[in-house]
Protein backbone atom coordinates (compact mmCIF):
# COMPACT_ATOMS: atom_id res chain seq x y z
CA UNK A 1 -10.19 -55.04 133.28
CA UNK A 2 -10.58 -51.97 130.43
CA UNK A 3 -10.84 -48.74 130.36
CA UNK A 4 -11.06 -45.40 128.37
CA UNK A 5 -9.23 -42.27 128.90
CA UNK A 6 -9.07 -39.39 126.95
CA UNK A 7 -5.55 -38.16 126.11
CA UNK A 8 -4.30 -35.60 127.30
CA UNK A 9 -0.71 -34.11 127.34
CA UNK A 10 0.62 -32.09 124.49
CA UNK A 11 1.65 -34.78 122.35
CA UNK A 12 -0.23 -37.32 122.58
CA UNK A 13 1.30 -40.67 123.11
CA UNK A 14 4.54 -39.74 121.25
CA UNK A 15 8.10 -38.61 122.47
CA UNK A 16 8.75 -38.99 125.91
CA UNK A 17 4.88 -39.48 126.81
CA UNK A 18 4.93 -42.09 125.39
CA UNK A 19 8.52 -43.49 126.87
CA UNK A 20 6.44 -42.88 130.15
CA UNK A 21 4.01 -44.70 129.02
CA UNK A 22 6.26 -47.68 128.65
CA UNK A 23 7.76 -46.94 131.50
CA UNK A 24 5.20 -47.16 134.34
CA UNK A 25 3.60 -49.79 132.04
CA UNK A 26 6.52 -52.09 132.81
CA UNK A 27 6.36 -51.49 136.29
CA UNK A 28 3.59 -53.49 137.16
CA UNK A 29 2.91 -57.32 137.03
CA UNK A 30 0.91 -57.48 134.34
CA UNK A 31 -0.32 -57.97 130.90
CA UNK A 32 -1.08 -54.25 129.82
CA UNK A 33 -2.68 -53.12 126.90
CA UNK A 34 -3.25 -49.86 125.00
CA UNK A 35 -5.49 -49.10 121.60
CA UNK A 36 -7.27 -46.92 119.75
CA UNK A 37 -11.17 -47.19 120.70
CA UNK A 38 -11.55 -48.39 116.77
CA UNK A 39 -8.31 -50.11 116.78
CA UNK A 40 -6.76 -53.40 117.52
CA UNK A 41 -4.80 -53.49 121.11
CA UNK A 42 -0.46 -53.49 120.97
CA UNK A 43 1.52 -54.52 123.65
CA UNK A 44 1.86 -51.57 126.31
CA UNK A 45 5.69 -52.37 127.28
CA UNK A 46 6.69 -52.24 124.08
CA UNK A 47 7.78 -48.09 123.15
CA UNK A 48 7.89 -49.50 119.18
CA UNK A 49 3.96 -50.29 119.52
CA UNK A 50 2.33 -47.42 121.52
CA UNK A 51 3.92 -45.39 119.08
CA UNK A 52 3.15 -46.78 116.21
CA UNK A 53 -0.54 -46.41 117.64
CA UNK A 54 -0.06 -42.46 116.74
CA UNK A 55 -2.65 -41.31 119.39
CA UNK A 56 -2.46 -37.35 119.62
CA UNK A 57 -3.83 -35.01 122.41
CA UNK A 58 -7.44 -35.33 122.76
CA UNK A 59 -7.69 -38.73 121.03
CA UNK A 60 -8.96 -41.65 123.20
CA UNK A 61 -7.55 -44.81 124.17
CA UNK A 62 -8.53 -48.05 126.19
CA UNK A 63 -5.67 -49.80 128.48
CA UNK A 64 -6.13 -52.84 129.10
CA UNK A 65 -4.97 -55.18 131.35
CA UNK A 66 -4.65 -59.02 133.14
CA UNK A 67 -2.56 -60.27 135.74
CA UNK A 68 -2.34 -59.21 139.95
CA UNK A 69 -1.70 -55.73 139.58
CA UNK A 70 -4.28 -54.48 137.37
CA UNK A 71 -6.44 -52.61 138.65
CA UNK A 72 -3.44 -50.73 139.90
CA UNK A 73 -1.48 -50.51 136.65
CA UNK A 74 -4.93 -48.90 135.17
CA UNK A 75 -4.69 -46.42 137.76
CA UNK A 76 -1.24 -45.22 137.23
CA UNK A 77 -2.05 -45.54 133.64
CA UNK A 78 -5.11 -43.74 133.85
CA UNK A 79 -3.88 -41.02 135.63
CA UNK A 80 -0.61 -40.98 133.52
CA UNK A 81 -2.80 -40.26 130.43
CA UNK A 82 -5.00 -37.52 132.57
CA UNK A 83 -2.67 -35.39 133.02
CA UNK A 84 -0.88 -31.97 131.19
CA UNK A 85 2.97 -32.66 130.48
CA UNK A 86 4.84 -30.21 132.34
CA UNK A 87 8.90 -29.51 131.09
CA UNK A 88 11.15 -30.85 132.88
């Protein structure tokens, strides 16, 4: 399964949004990868790999998932990337 999502959080996939993305990807029984639309996918459960993509707000990313909870993982990650980050 695959989805293309536009990244909304102001920090893109850096720092806190990246940490939340990795944490969410780890919650599901699925092999989840993420990639820029023109790049190679990386392990979505690795903070280092996700941060290294250099994804900024407004960029499109492809999220790929395989496994028993692939669709649920895609739903949660799409929701996360489509929602502006709120101040804690």
